[in-house]
Amino acid sequence: MIAVPAVALGGAVGAVLRFLLDRGITARWAPTFPAATLLINVTGSFVLGVVTGLSAVLGPVWTLALGTGLCGGYTTFSTAMVDAVRLAREQRAGAAVVSVLGTVLWSLLAVAAGLTLGSHWAF
């Protein structure tokens, strides 16, 4: 049952990476728009696409550790939704819509690009 510790370790690394990246971005720019959360979700989607594309090469344990663990701990859909509600409550409905649509659309494009790239690397 090596999968559980692999996912746990990947999740811990992903969560720490998310925390550090979020802090680094918000320290440099005023957090008026959730750019850090958007960037984290888009880059995490890209990495998950690559991992999924490489899953035949990586094998099940590495795919779980990197996909479910690392990417699951790194990306944060729930924070993106909290950010959108916060923006809407601040009477910034336009920013809330841009945040949600940006997260969904850019993440879809990123995962598609990552999946394409990972699939090409696998063969």
PDB file of N, CA and C in Angstrom:
ATOM      1  N   MET A   1       0.834  -1.192   0.000  1.00  0.00           N
ATOM      2  CA  MET A   1       0.000   0.000   0.000  1.00  0.00           C
ATOM      3  C   MET A   1       0.874   1.250   0.000  1.00  0.00           C
ATOM      4  N   ILE A   2       1.785   1.324  -0.951  1.00  0.00           N
ATOM      5  CA  ILE A   2       2.693   2.465  -1.073  1.00  0.00           C
ATOM      6  C   ILE A   2       1.985   3.703  -1.616  1.00  0.00           C
ATOM      7  N   ALA A   3       0.820   3.529  -2.225  1.00  0.00           N
ATOM      8  CA  ALA A   3       0.115   4.652  -2.839  1.00  0.00           C
ATOM      9  C   ALA A   3      -0.270   5.715  -1.815  1.00  0.00           C
ATOM     10  N   VAL A   4      -0.707   5.324  -0.646  1.00  0.00           N
ATOM     11  CA  VAL A   4      -1.161   6.294   0.367  1.00  0.00           C
ATOM     12  C   VAL A   4      -0.010   7.199   0.829  1.00  0.00           C
ATOM     13  N   PRO A   5       1.151   6.649   1.217  1.00  0.00           N
ATOM     14  CA  PRO A   5       2.241   7.552   1.579  1.00  0.00           C
ATOM     15  C   PRO A   5       2.731   8.402   0.403  1.00  0.00           C
ATOM     16  N   ALA A   6       2.683   7.855  -0.807  1.00  0.00           N
ATOM     17  CA  ALA A   6       3.109   8.624  -1.980  1.00  0.00           C
ATOM     18  C   ALA A   6       2.195   9.820  -2.201  1.00  0.00           C
ATOM     19  N   VAL A   7       0.885   9.614  -2.087  1.00  0.00           N
ATOM     20  CA  VAL A   7      -0.074  10.712  -2.234  1.00  0.00           C
ATOM     21  C   VAL A   7       0.093  11.719  -1.092  1.00  0.00           C
ATOM     22  N   ALA A   8       0.300  11.218   0.108  1.00  0.00           N
ATOM     23  CA  ALA A   8       0.479  12.116   1.261  1.00  0.00           C
ATOM     24  C   ALA A   8       1.721  12.992   1.098  1.00  0.00           C
ATOM     25  N   LEU A   9       2.810  12.399   0.678  1.00  0.00           N
ATOM     26  CA  LEU A   9       4.042  13.164   0.482  1.00  0.00           C
ATOM     27  C   LEU A   9       3.875  14.175  -0.653  1.00  0.00           C
ATOM     28  N   GLY A  10       3.304  13.733  -1.762  1.00  0.00           N
ATOM     29  CA  GLY A  10       3.049  14.647  -2.876  1.00  0.00           C
ATOM     30  C   GLY A  10       2.137  15.790  -2.460  1.00  0.00           C
ATOM     31  N   GLY A  11       1.099  15.490  -1.696  1.00  0.00           N
ATOM     32  CA  GLY A  11       0.173  16.517  -1.223  1.00  0.00           C
ATOM     33  C   GLY A  11       0.853  17.524  -0.316  1.00  0.00           C
ATOM     34  N   ALA A  12       1.721  17.046   0.549  1.00  0.00           N
ATOM     35  CA  ALA A  12       2.446  17.951   1.449  1.00  0.00           C
ATOM     36  C   ALA A  12       3.354  18.886   0.660  1.00  0.00           C
ATOM     37  N   VAL A  13       4.067  18.338  -0.309  1.00  0.00           N
ATOM     38  CA  VAL A  13       4.952  19.167  -1.140  1.00  0.00           C
ATOM     39  C   VAL A  13       4.127  20.183  -1.931  1.00  0.00           C
ATOM     40  N   GLY A  14       3.019  19.745  -2.514  1.00  0.00           N
ATOM     41  CA  GLY A  14       2.170  20.639  -3.295  1.00  0.00           C
ATOM     42  C   GLY A  14       1.601  21.771  -2.461  1.00  0.00           C
ATOM     43  N   ALA A  15       1.160  21.459  -1.242  1.00  0.00           N
ATOM     44  CA  ALA A  15       0.588  22.492  -0.368  1.00  0.00           C
ATOM     45  C   ALA A  15       1.638  23.528   0.022  1.00  0.00           C
ATOM     46  N   VAL A  16       2.842  23.072   0.302  1.00  0.00           N
ATOM     47  CA  VAL A  16       3.922  24.004   0.660  1.00  0.00           C
ATOM     48  C   VAL A  16       4.291  24.871  -0.543  1.00  0.00           C
ATOM     49  N   LEU A  17       4.369  24.273  -1.726  1.00  0.00           N
ATOM     50  CA  LEU A  17       4.651  25.052  -2.935  1.00  0.00           C
ATOM     51  C   LEU A  17       3.580  26.117  -3.162  1.00  0.00           C
ATOM     52  N   ARG A  18       2.317  25.732  -2.986  1.00  0.00           N
ATOM     53  CA  ARG A  18       1.222  26.691  -3.150  1.00  0.00           C
ATOM     54  C   ARG A  18       1.354  27.830  -2.156  1.00  0.00           C
ATOM     55  N   PHE A  19       1.615  27.509  -0.913  1.00  0.00           N
ATOM     56  CA  PHE A  19       1.765  28.525   0.131  1.00  0.00           C
ATOM     57  C   PHE A  19       2.892  29.499  -0.204  1.00  0.00           C
ATOM     58  N   LEU A  20       4.043  28.964  -0.597  1.00  0.00           N
ATOM     59  CA  LEU A  20       5.195  29.821  -0.890  1.00  0.00           C
ATOM     60  C   LEU A  20       4.957  30.693  -2.119  1.00  0.00           C
ATOM     61  N   LEU A  21       4.384  30.131  -3.160  1.00  0.00           N
ATOM     62  CA  LEU A  21       4.107  30.905  -4.363  1.00  0.00           C
ATOM     63  C   LEU A  21       3.069  31.992  -4.079  1.00  0.00           C
ATOM     64  N   ASP A  22       2.027  31.651  -3.363  1.00  0.00           N
ATOM     65  CA  ASP A  22       1.001  32.632  -3.014  1.00  0.00           C
ATOM     66  C   ASP A  22       1.601  33.777  -2.207  1.00  0.00           C
ATOM     67  N   ARG A  23       2.398  33.457  -1.219  1.00  0.00           N
ATOM     68  CA  ARG A  23       3.041  34.496  -0.400  1.00  0.00           C
ATOM     69  C   ARG A  23       3.977  35.359  -1.231  1.00  0.00           C
ATOM     70  N   GLY A  24       4.735  34.740  -2.111  1.00  0.00           N
ATOM     71  CA  GLY A  24       5.669  35.492  -2.943  1.00  0.00           C
ATOM     72  C   GLY A  24       4.964  36.462  -3.876  1.00  0.00           C
ATOM     73  N   ILE A  25       3.875  36.023  -4.476  1.00  0.00           N
ATOM     74  CA  ILE A  25       3.141  36.883  -5.399  1.00  0.00           C
ATOM     75  C   ILE A  25       2.426  38.000  -4.656  1.00  0.00           C
ATOM     76  N   THR A  26       1.744  37.677  -3.581  1.00  0.00           N
ATOM     77  CA  THR A  26       0.996  38.713  -2.858  1.00  0.00           C
ATOM     78  C   THR A  26       1.923  39.692  -2.137  1.00  0.00           C
ATOM     79  N   ALA A  27       3.150  39.293  -1.850  1.00  0.00           N
ATOM     80  CA  ALA A  27       4.101  40.224  -1.232  1.00  0.00           C
ATOM     81  C   ALA A  27       4.595  41.253  -2.242  1.00  0.00           C
ATOM     82  N   ARG A  28       4.621  40.887  -3.518  1.00  0.00           N
ATOM     83  CA  ARG A  28       5.119  41.796  -4.557  1.00  0.00           C
ATOM     84  C   ARG A  28       4.022  42.704  -5.114  1.00  0.00           C
ATOM     85  N   TRP A  29       2.797  42.187  -5.180  1.00  0.00           N
ATOM     86  CA  TRP A  29       1.696  42.953  -5.741  1.00  0.00           C
ATOM     87  C   TRP A  29       0.554  43.005  -4.737  1.00  0.00           C
ATOM     88  N   ALA A  30      -0.110  44.136  -4.688  1.00  0.00           N
ATOM     89  CA  ALA A  30      -1.258  44.287  -3.789  1.00  0.00           C
ATOM     90  C   ALA A  30      -2.319  43.251  -4.160  1.00  0.00           C
ATOM     91  N   PRO A  31      -2.874  42.571  -3.177  1.00  0.00           N
ATOM     92  CA  PRO A  31      -3.841  41.502  -3.471  1.00  0.00           C
ATOM     93  C   PRO A  31      -5.241  42.037  -3.801  1.00  0.00           C
ATOM     94  N   THR A  32      -5.342  42.913  -4.801  1.00  0.00           N
ATOM     95  CA  THR A  32      -6.646  43.438  -5.191  1.00  0.00           C
ATOM     96  C   THR A  32      -7.382  42.468  -6.113  1.00  0.00           C
ATOM     97  N   PHE A  33      -6.641  41.594  -6.763  1.00  0.00           N
ATOM     98  CA  PHE A  33      -7.197  40.553  -7.623  1.00  0.00           C
ATOM     99  C   PHE A  33      -6.463  39.266  -7.279  1.00  0.00           C
ATOM    100  N   PRO A  34      -7.159  38.136  -7.229  1.00  0.00           N
ATOM    101  CA  PRO A  34      -6.516  36.867  -6.825  1.00  0.00           C
ATOM    102  C   PRO A  34      -5.622  36.265  -7.904  1.00  0.00           C
ATOM    103  N   ALA A  35      -4.625  37.027  -8.321  1.00  0.00           N
ATOM    104  CA  ALA A  35      -3.718  36.571  -9.381  1.00  0.00           C
ATOM    105  C   ALA A  35      -2.933  35.333  -8.955  1.00  0.00           C
ATOM    106  N   ALA A  36      -2.534  35.268  -7.706  1.00  0.00           N
ATOM    107  CA  ALA A  36      -1.762  34.108  -7.233  1.00  0.00           C
ATOM    108  C   ALA A  36      -2.588  32.836  -7.346  1.00  0.00           C
ATOM    109  N   THR A  37      -3.833  32.883  -6.929  1.00  0.00           N
ATOM    110  CA  THR A  37      -4.699  31.708  -7.003  1.00  0.00           C
ATOM    111  C   THR A  37      -4.919  31.300  -8.452  1.00  0.00           C
ATOM    112  N   LEU A  38      -5.122  32.275  -9.313  1.00  0.00           N
ATOM    113  CA  LEU A  38      -5.303  31.994 -10.741  1.00  0.00           C
ATOM    114  C   LEU A  38      -4.053  31.331 -11.319  1.00  0.00           C
ATOM    115  N   LEU A  39      -2.894  31.894 -11.042  1.00  0.00           N
ATOM    116  CA  LEU A  39      -1.635  31.335 -11.545  1.00  0.00           C
ATOM    117  C   LEU A  39      -1.403  29.921 -11.008  1.00  0.00           C
ATOM    118  N   ILE A  40      -1.667  29.715  -9.756  1.00  0.00           N
ATOM    119  CA  ILE A  40      -1.486  28.396  -9.143  1.00  0.00           C
ATOM    120  C   ILE A  40      -2.394  27.362  -9.809  1.00  0.00           C
ATOM    121  N   ASN A  41      -3.655  27.712 -10.009  1.00  0.00           N
ATOM    122  CA  ASN A  41      -4.572  26.751 -10.620  1.00  0.00           C
ATOM    123  C   ASN A  41      -4.230  26.471 -12.080  1.00  0.00           C
ATOM    124  N   VAL A  42      -3.782  27.471 -12.799  1.00  0.00           N
ATOM    125  CA  VAL A  42      -3.420  27.265 -14.204  1.00  0.00           C
ATOM    126  C   VAL A  42      -2.144  26.423 -14.317  1.00  0.00           C
ATOM    127  N   THR A  43      -1.123  26.749 -13.540  1.00  0.00           N
ATOM    128  CA  THR A  43       0.115  25.958 -13.610  1.00  0.00           C
ATOM    129  C   THR A  43      -0.107  24.544 -13.092  1.00  0.00           C
ATOM    130  N   GLY A  44      -0.919  24.401 -12.067  1.00  0.00           N
ATOM    131  CA  GLY A  44      -1.228  23.064 -11.562  1.00  0.00           C
ATOM    132  C   GLY A  44      -1.993  22.232 -12.579  1.00  0.00           C
ATOM    133  N   SER A  45      -2.890  22.870 -13.317  1.00  0.00           N
ATOM    134  CA  SER A  45      -3.624  22.160 -14.367  1.00  0.00           C
ATOM    135  C   SER A  45      -2.679  21.705 -15.473  1.00  0.00           C
ATOM    136  N   PHE A  46      -1.731  22.562 -15.822  1.00  0.00           N
ATOM    137  CA  PHE A  46      -0.743  22.184 -16.835  1.00  0.00           C
ATOM    138  C   PHE A  46       0.066  20.970 -16.370  1.00  0.00           C
ATOM    139  N   VAL A  47       0.557  21.022 -15.141  1.00  0.00           N
ATOM    140  CA  VAL A  47       1.359  19.911 -14.609  1.00  0.00           C
ATOM    141  C   VAL A  47       0.521  18.634 -14.551  1.00  0.00           C
ATOM    142  N   LEU A  48      -0.733  18.739 -14.126  1.00  0.00           N
ATOM    143  CA  LEU A  48      -1.588  17.553 -14.090  1.00  0.00           C
ATOM    144  C   LEU A  48      -1.796  16.990 -15.487  1.00  0.00           C
ATOM    145  N   GLY A  49      -1.921  17.860 -16.484  1.00  0.00           N
ATOM    146  CA  GLY A  49      -2.029  17.390 -17.854  1.00  0.00           C
ATOM    147  C   GLY A  49      -0.787  16.624 -18.290  1.00  0.00           C
ATOM    148  N   VAL A  50       0.389  17.171 -17.959  1.00  0.00           N
ATOM    149  CA  VAL A  50       1.646  16.494 -18.304  1.00  0.00           C
ATOM    150  C   VAL A  50       1.726  15.143 -17.607  1.00  0.00           C
ATOM    151  N   VAL A  51       1.420  15.113 -16.322  1.00  0.00           N
ATOM    152  CA  VAL A  51       1.471  13.860 -15.548  1.00  0.00           C
ATOM    153  C   VAL A  51       0.503  12.836 -16.134  1.00  0.00           C
ATOM    154  N   THR A  52      -0.691  13.270 -16.475  1.00  0.00           N
ATOM    155  CA  THR A  52      -1.678  12.361 -17.061  1.00  0.00           C
ATOM    156  C   THR A  52      -1.188  11.841 -18.408  1.00  0.00           C
ATOM    157  N   GLY A  53      -0.603  12.723 -19.210  1.00  0.00           N
ATOM    158  CA  GLY A  53      -0.062  12.298 -20.491  1.00  0.00           C
ATOM    159  C   GLY A  53       1.080  11.312 -20.362  1.00  0.00           C
ATOM    160  N   LEU A  54       1.822  11.428 -19.274  1.00  0.00           N
ATOM    161  CA  LEU A  54       2.965  10.541 -19.032  1.00  0.00           C
ATOM    162  C   LEU A  54       2.621   9.336 -18.148  1.00  0.00           C
ATOM    163  N   SER A  55       1.360   9.170 -17.802  1.00  0.00           N
ATOM    164  CA  SER A  55       0.993   8.137 -16.824  1.00  0.00           C
ATOM    165  C   SER A  55       1.424   6.730 -17.226  1.00  0.00           C
ATOM    166  N   ALA A  56       1.412   6.424 -18.517  1.00  0.00           N
ATOM    167  CA  ALA A  56       1.844   5.093 -18.958  1.00  0.00           C
ATOM    168  C   ALA A  56       3.329   4.883 -18.692  1.00  0.00           C
ATOM    169  N   VAL A  57       4.102   5.958 -18.760  1.00  0.00           N
ATOM    170  CA  VAL A  57       5.539   5.885 -18.516  1.00  0.00           C
ATOM    171  C   VAL A  57       5.829   5.946 -17.017  1.00  0.00           C
ATOM    172  N   LEU A  58       5.100   6.805 -16.310  1.00  0.00           N
ATOM    173  CA  LEU A  58       5.353   7.008 -14.884  1.00  0.00           C
ATOM    174  C   LEU A  58       4.932   5.814 -14.033  1.00  0.00           C
ATOM    175  N   GLY A  59       3.862   5.153 -14.413  1.00  0.00           N
ATOM    176  CA  GLY A  59       3.327   4.067 -13.613  1.00  0.00           C
ATOM    177  C   GLY A  59       2.340   4.601 -12.598  1.00  0.00           C
ATOM    178  N   PRO A  60       1.586   3.707 -11.974  1.00  0.00           N
ATOM    179  CA  PRO A  60       0.485   4.138 -11.114  1.00  0.00           C
ATOM    180  C   PRO A  60       0.910   4.874  -9.843  1.00  0.00           C
ATOM    181  N   VAL A  61       1.993   4.478  -9.208  1.00  0.00           N
ATOM    182  CA  VAL A  61       2.377   5.122  -7.944  1.00  0.00           C
ATOM    183  C   VAL A  61       2.853   6.551  -8.197  1.00  0.00           C
ATOM    184  N   TRP A  62       3.712   6.749  -9.192  1.00  0.00           N
ATOM    185  CA  TRP A  62       4.188   8.101  -9.499  1.00  0.00           C
ATOM    186  C   TRP A  62       3.053   8.981 -10.016  1.00  0.00           C
ATOM    187  N   THR A  63       2.155   8.396 -10.802  1.00  0.00           N
ATOM    188  CA  THR A  63       1.011   9.164 -11.292  1.00  0.00           C
ATOM    189  C   THR A  63       0.148   9.620 -10.127  1.00  0.00           C
ATOM    190  N   LEU A  64      -0.080   8.757  -9.156  1.00  0.00           N
ATOM    191  CA  LEU A  64      -0.850   9.144  -7.964  1.00  0.00           C
ATOM    192  C   LEU A  64      -0.107  10.183  -7.133  1.00  0.00           C
ATOM    193  N   ALA A  65       1.187   9.958  -6.923  1.00  0.00           N
ATOM    194  CA  ALA A  65       1.977  10.884  -6.099  1.00  0.00           C
ATOM    195  C   ALA A  65       2.013  12.276  -6.710  1.00  0.00           C
ATOM    196  N   LEU A  66       2.218  12.345  -8.020  1.00  0.00           N
ATOM    197  CA  LEU A  66       2.330  13.640  -8.691  1.00  0.00           C
ATOM    198  C   LEU A  66       0.971  14.235  -9.049  1.00  0.00           C
ATOM    199  N   GLY A  67       0.058  13.405  -9.536  1.00  0.00           N
ATOM    200  CA  GLY A  67      -1.255  13.902  -9.958  1.00  0.00           C
ATOM    201  C   GLY A  67      -2.172  14.189  -8.794  1.00  0.00           C
ATOM    202  N   THR A  68      -2.527  13.141  -8.057  1.00  0.00           N
ATOM    203  CA  THR A  68      -3.439  13.305  -6.927  1.00  0.00           C
ATOM    204  C   THR A  68      -2.768  14.047  -5.780  1.00  0.00           C
ATOM    205  N   GLY A  69      -1.533  13.673  -5.469  1.00  0.00           N
ATOM    206  CA  GLY A  69      -0.840  14.282  -4.334  1.00  0.00           C
ATOM    207  C   GLY A  69      -0.349  15.690  -4.607  1.00  0.00           C
ATOM    208  N   LEU A  70       0.687  15.809  -5.436  1.00  0.00           N
ATOM    209  CA  LEU A  70       1.314  17.105  -5.695  1.00  0.00           C
ATOM    210  C   LEU A  70       0.322  18.108  -6.276  1.00  0.00           C
ATOM    211  N   CYS A  71      -0.337  17.739  -7.371  1.00  0.00           N
ATOM    212  CA  CYS A  71      -1.260  18.682  -8.011  1.00  0.00           C
ATOM    213  C   CYS A  71      -2.495  18.944  -7.148  1.00  0.00           C
ATOM    214  N   GLY A  72      -2.948  17.924  -6.453  1.00  0.00           N
ATOM    215  CA  GLY A  72      -4.095  18.104  -5.557  1.00  0.00           C
ATOM    216  C   GLY A  72      -3.780  19.019  -4.387  1.00  0.00           C
ATOM    217  N   GLY A  73      -2.569  18.902  -3.853  1.00  0.00           N
ATOM    218  CA  GLY A  73      -2.158  19.785  -2.760  1.00  0.00           C
ATOM    219  C   GLY A  73      -1.806  21.184  -3.228  1.00  0.00           C
ATOM    220  N   TYR A  74      -1.385  21.294  -4.477  1.00  0.00           N
ATOM    221  CA  TYR A  74      -0.944  22.576  -5.028  1.00  0.00           C
ATOM    222  C   TYR A  74      -2.113  23.429  -5.513  1.00  0.00           C
ATOM    223  N   THR A  75      -3.027  22.833  -6.264  1.00  0.00           N
ATOM    224  CA  THR A  75      -4.135  23.611  -6.815  1.00  0.00           C
ATOM    225  C   THR A  75      -5.214  23.842  -5.764  1.00  0.00           C
ATOM    226  N   THR A  76      -6.052  24.840  -6.013  1.00  0.00           N
ATOM    227  CA  THR A  76      -7.010  25.216  -4.985  1.00  0.00           C
ATOM    228  C   THR A  76      -8.268  25.841  -5.571  1.00  0.00           C
ATOM    229  N   PHE A  77      -9.159  24.990  -6.033  1.00  0.00           N
ATOM    230  CA  PHE A  77     -10.435  25.449  -6.580  1.00  0.00           C
ATOM    231  C   PHE A  77     -11.258  26.158  -5.510  1.00  0.00           C
ATOM    232  N   SER A  78     -11.267  25.619  -4.310  1.00  0.00           N
ATOM    233  CA  SER A  78     -12.076  26.217  -3.242  1.00  0.00           C
ATOM    234  C   SER A  78     -11.634  27.647  -2.928  1.00  0.00           C
ATOM    235  N   THR A  79     -10.336  27.895  -2.912  1.00  0.00           N
ATOM    236  CA  THR A  79      -9.850  29.251  -2.672  1.00  0.00           C
ATOM    237  C   THR A  79     -10.256  30.175  -3.803  1.00  0.00           C
ATOM    238  N   ALA A  80     -10.239  29.683  -5.034  1.00  0.00           N
ATOM    239  CA  ALA A  80     -10.672  30.487  -6.174  1.00  0.00           C
ATOM    240  C   ALA A  80     -12.131  30.901  -6.013  1.00  0.00           C
ATOM    241  N   MET A  81     -12.970  30.015  -5.510  1.00  0.00           N
ATOM    242  CA  MET A  81     -14.378  30.338  -5.321  1.00  0.00           C
ATOM    243  C   MET A  81     -14.579  31.303  -4.152  1.00  0.00           C
ATOM    244  N   VAL A  82     -13.812  31.134  -3.093  1.00  0.00           N
ATOM    245  CA  VAL A  82     -13.875  32.087  -1.974  1.00  0.00           C
ATOM    246  C   VAL A  82     -13.454  33.471  -2.455  1.00  0.00           C
ATOM    247  N   ASP A  83     -12.398  33.525  -3.257  1.00  0.00           N
ATOM    248  CA  ASP A  83     -11.945  34.803  -3.808  1.00  0.00           C
ATOM    249  C   ASP A  83     -13.041  35.451  -4.644  1.00  0.00           C
ATOM    250  N   ALA A  84     -13.735  34.667  -5.460  1.00  0.00           N
ATOM    251  CA  ALA A  84     -14.805  35.199  -6.306  1.00  0.00           C
ATOM    252  C   ALA A  84     -15.953  35.752  -5.460  1.00  0.00           C
ATOM    253  N   VAL A  85     -16.335  35.043  -4.425  1.00  0.00           N
ATOM    254  CA  VAL A  85     -17.405  35.526  -3.541  1.00  0.00           C
ATOM    255  C   VAL A  85     -16.959  36.797  -2.817  1.00  0.00           C
ATOM    256  N   ARG A  86     -15.712  36.821  -2.381  1.00  0.00           N
ATOM    257  CA  ARG A  86     -15.182  38.024  -1.712  1.00  0.00           C
ATOM    258  C   ARG A  86     -15.243  39.229  -2.649  1.00  0.00           C
ATOM    259  N   LEU A  87     -14.835  39.027  -3.889  1.00  0.00           N
ATOM    260  CA  LEU A  87     -14.884  40.113  -4.871  1.00  0.00           C
ATOM    261  C   LEU A  87     -16.326  40.579  -5.099  1.00  0.00           C
ATOM    262  N   ALA A  88     -17.241  39.644  -5.217  1.00  0.00           N
ATOM    263  CA  ALA A  88     -18.655  40.004  -5.415  1.00  0.00           C
ATOM    264  C   ALA A  88     -19.192  40.768  -4.214  1.00  0.00           C
ATOM    265  N   ARG A  89     -18.851  40.355  -3.014  1.00  0.00           N
ATOM    266  CA  ARG A  89     -19.291  41.059  -1.802  1.00  0.00           C
ATOM    267  C   ARG A  89     -18.703  42.456  -1.702  1.00  0.00           C
ATOM    268  N   GLU A  90     -17.548  42.649  -2.316  1.00  0.00           N
ATOM    269  CA  GLU A  90     -16.912  43.973  -2.344  1.00  0.00           C
ATOM    270  C   GLU A  90     -17.446  44.827  -3.496  1.00  0.00           C
ATOM    271  N   GLN A  91     -18.554  44.387  -4.087  1.00  0.00           N
ATOM    272  CA  GLN A  91     -19.165  45.106  -5.202  1.00  0.00           C
ATOM    273  C   GLN A  91     -18.263  45.129  -6.438  1.00  0.00           C
ATOM    274  N   ARG A  92     -17.472  44.085  -6.608  1.00  0.00           N
ATOM    275  CA  ARG A  92     -16.563  43.970  -7.748  1.00  0.00           C
ATOM    276  C   ARG A  92     -16.964  42.747  -8.582  1.00  0.00           C
ATOM    277  N   ALA A  93     -18.217  42.783  -9.042  1.00  0.00           N
ATOM    278  CA  ALA A  93     -18.773  41.649  -9.780  1.00  0.00           C
ATOM    279  C   ALA A  93     -17.971  41.353 -11.046  1.00  0.00           C
ATOM    280  N   GLY A  94     -17.518  42.378 -11.730  1.00  0.00           N
ATOM    281  CA  GLY A  94     -16.722  42.167 -12.941  1.00  0.00           C
ATOM    282  C   GLY A  94     -15.451  41.397 -12.650  1.00  0.00           C
ATOM    283  N   ALA A  95     -14.767  41.782 -11.575  1.00  0.00           N
ATOM    284  CA  ALA A  95     -13.540  41.086 -11.192  1.00  0.00           C
ATOM    285  C   ALA A  95     -13.846  39.646 -10.784  1.00  0.00           C
ATOM    286  N   ALA A  96     -14.987  39.436 -10.130  1.00  0.00           N
ATOM    287  CA  ALA A  96     -15.380  38.082  -9.724  1.00  0.00           C
ATOM    288  C   ALA A  96     -15.613  37.200 -10.952  1.00  0.00           C
ATOM    289  N   VAL A  97     -16.300  37.746 -11.936  1.00  0.00           N
ATOM    290  CA  VAL A  97     -16.572  36.992 -13.166  1.00  0.00           C
ATOM    291  C   VAL A  97     -15.262  36.698 -13.905  1.00  0.00           C
ATOM    292  N   VAL A  98     -14.388  37.690 -14.000  1.00  0.00           N
ATOM    293  CA  VAL A  98     -13.090  37.489 -14.659  1.00  0.00           C
ATOM    294  C   VAL A  98     -12.290  36.414 -13.922  1.00  0.00           C
ATOM    295  N   SER A  99     -12.339  36.442 -12.610  1.00  0.00           N
ATOM    296  CA  SER A  99     -11.610  35.457 -11.815  1.00  0.00           C
ATOM    297  C   SER A  99     -12.120  34.041 -12.077  1.00  0.00           C
ATOM    298  N   VAL A 100     -13.427  33.852 -12.035  1.00  0.00           N
ATOM    299  CA  VAL A 100     -14.004  32.519 -12.233  1.00  0.00           C
ATOM    300  C   VAL A 100     -13.797  32.044 -13.671  1.00  0.00           C
ATOM    301  N   LEU A 101     -14.160  32.883 -14.628  1.00  0.00           N
ATOM    302  CA  LEU A 101     -14.002  32.479 -16.026  1.00  0.00           C
ATOM    303  C   LEU A 101     -12.536  32.298 -16.396  1.00  0.00           C
ATOM    304  N   GLY A 102     -11.689  33.175 -15.879  1.00  0.00           N
ATOM    305  CA  GLY A 102     -10.261  33.040 -16.137  1.00  0.00           C
ATOM    306  C   GLY A 102      -9.709  31.745 -15.585  1.00  0.00           C
ATOM    307  N   THR A 103     -10.113  31.415 -14.364  1.00  0.00           N
ATOM    308  CA  THR A 103      -9.653  30.165 -13.753  1.00  0.00           C
ATOM    309  C   THR A 103     -10.091  28.965 -14.581  1.00  0.00           C
ATOM    310  N   VAL A 104     -11.352  28.934 -14.958  1.00  0.00           N
ATOM    311  CA  VAL A 104     -11.873  27.779 -15.701  1.00  0.00           C
ATOM    312  C   VAL A 104     -11.264  27.703 -17.105  1.00  0.00           C
ATOM    313  N   LEU A 105     -11.306  28.803 -17.836  1.00  0.00           N
ATOM    314  CA  LEU A 105     -10.840  28.769 -19.224  1.00  0.00           C
ATOM    315  C   LEU A 105      -9.330  28.549 -19.326  1.00  0.00           C
ATOM    316  N   TRP A 106      -8.554  29.313 -18.563  1.00  0.00           N
ATOM    317  CA  TRP A 106      -7.097  29.147 -18.625  1.00  0.00           C
ATOM    318  C   TRP A 106      -6.662  27.782 -18.109  1.00  0.00           C
ATOM    319  N   SER A 107      -7.352  27.272 -17.093  1.00  0.00           N
ATOM    320  CA  SER A 107      -7.015  25.944 -16.575  1.00  0.00           C
ATOM    321  C   SER A 107      -7.332  24.858 -17.596  1.00  0.00           C
ATOM    322  N   LEU A 108      -8.447  25.004 -18.304  1.00  0.00           N
ATOM    323  CA  LEU A 108      -8.776  24.037 -19.359  1.00  0.00           C
ATOM    324  C   LEU A 108      -7.727  24.052 -20.465  1.00  0.00           C
ATOM    325  N   LEU A 109      -7.343  25.231 -20.892  1.00  0.00           N
ATOM    326  CA  LEU A 109      -6.303  25.337 -21.918  1.00  0.00           C
ATOM    327  C   LEU A 109      -4.979  24.766 -21.425  1.00  0.00           C
ATOM    328  N   ALA A 110      -4.656  25.039 -20.175  1.00  0.00           N
ATOM    329  CA  ALA A 110      -3.387  24.558 -19.612  1.00  0.00           C
ATOM    330  C   ALA A 110      -3.367  23.041 -19.507  1.00  0.00           C
ATOM    331  N   VAL A 111      -4.451  22.440 -19.046  1.00  0.00           N
ATOM    332  CA  VAL A 111      -4.470  20.982 -18.922  1.00  0.00           C
ATOM    333  C   VAL A 111      -4.427  20.336 -20.308  1.00  0.00           C
ATOM    334  N   ALA A 112      -5.096  20.941 -21.284  1.00  0.00           N
ATOM    335  CA  ALA A 112      -5.046  20.403 -22.650  1.00  0.00           C
ATOM    336  C   ALA A 112      -3.630  20.481 -23.211  1.00  0.00           C
ATOM    337  N   ALA A 113      -2.958  21.598 -22.994  1.00  0.00           N
ATOM    338  CA  ALA A 113      -1.569  21.743 -23.459  1.00  0.00           C
ATOM    339  C   ALA A 113      -0.653  20.752 -22.743  1.00  0.00           C
ATOM    340  N   GLY A 114      -0.823  20.618 -21.445  1.00  0.00           N
ATOM    341  CA  GLY A 114       0.003  19.684 -20.685  1.00  0.00           C
ATOM    342  C   GLY A 114      -0.235  18.241 -21.097  1.00  0.00           C
ATOM    343  N   LEU A 115      -1.481  17.885 -21.329  1.00  0.00           N
ATOM    344  CA  LEU A 115      -1.816  16.531 -21.760  1.00  0.00           C
ATOM    345  C   LEU A 115      -1.206  16.235 -23.130  1.00  0.00           C
ATOM    346  N   THR A 116      -1.289  17.191 -24.029  1.00  0.00           N
ATOM    347  CA  THR A 116      -0.697  17.033 -25.357  1.00  0.00           C
ATOM    348  C   THR A 116       0.818  16.863 -25.250  1.00  0.00           C
ATOM    349  N   LEU A 117       1.443  17.731 -24.477  1.00  0.00           N
ATOM    350  CA  LEU A 117       2.888  17.662 -24.311  1.00  0.00           C
ATOM    351  C   LEU A 117       3.309  16.351 -23.640  1.00  0.00           C
ATOM    352  N   GLY A 118       2.638  15.993 -22.552  1.00  0.00           N
ATOM    353  CA  GLY A 118       2.977  14.754 -21.850  1.00  0.00           C
ATOM    354  C   GLY A 118       2.778  13.522 -22.714  1.00  0.00           C
ATOM    355  N   SER A 119       1.726  13.515 -23.505  1.00  0.00           N
ATOM    356  CA  SER A 119       1.477  12.380 -24.403  1.00  0.00           C
ATOM    357  C   SER A 119       2.560  12.250 -25.452  1.00  0.00           C
ATOM    358  N   HIS A 120       3.061  13.381 -25.946  1.00  0.00           N
ATOM    359  CA  HIS A 120       4.138  13.349 -26.942  1.00  0.00           C
ATOM    360  C   HIS A 120       5.445  12.875 -26.318  1.00  0.00           C
ATOM    361  N   TRP A 121       5.693  13.293 -25.088  1.00  0.00           N
ATOM    362  CA  TRP A 121       6.920  12.864 -24.400  1.00  0.00           C
ATOM    363  C   TRP A 121       6.876  11.371 -24.082  1.00  0.00           C
ATOM    364  N   ALA A 122       5.698  10.828 -23.883  1.00  0.00           N
ATOM    365  CA  ALA A 122       5.565   9.423 -23.500  1.00  0.00           C
ATOM    366  C   ALA A 122       5.913   8.471 -24.638  1.00  0.00           C
ATOM    367  N   PHE A 123       5.914   8.977 -25.854  1.00  0.00           N
ATOM    368  CA  PHE A 123       6.162   8.072 -26.995  1.00  0.00           C
ATOM    369  C   PHE A 123       7.353   8.467 -27.772  1.00  0.00           C
TER     370      PHE A 123
END
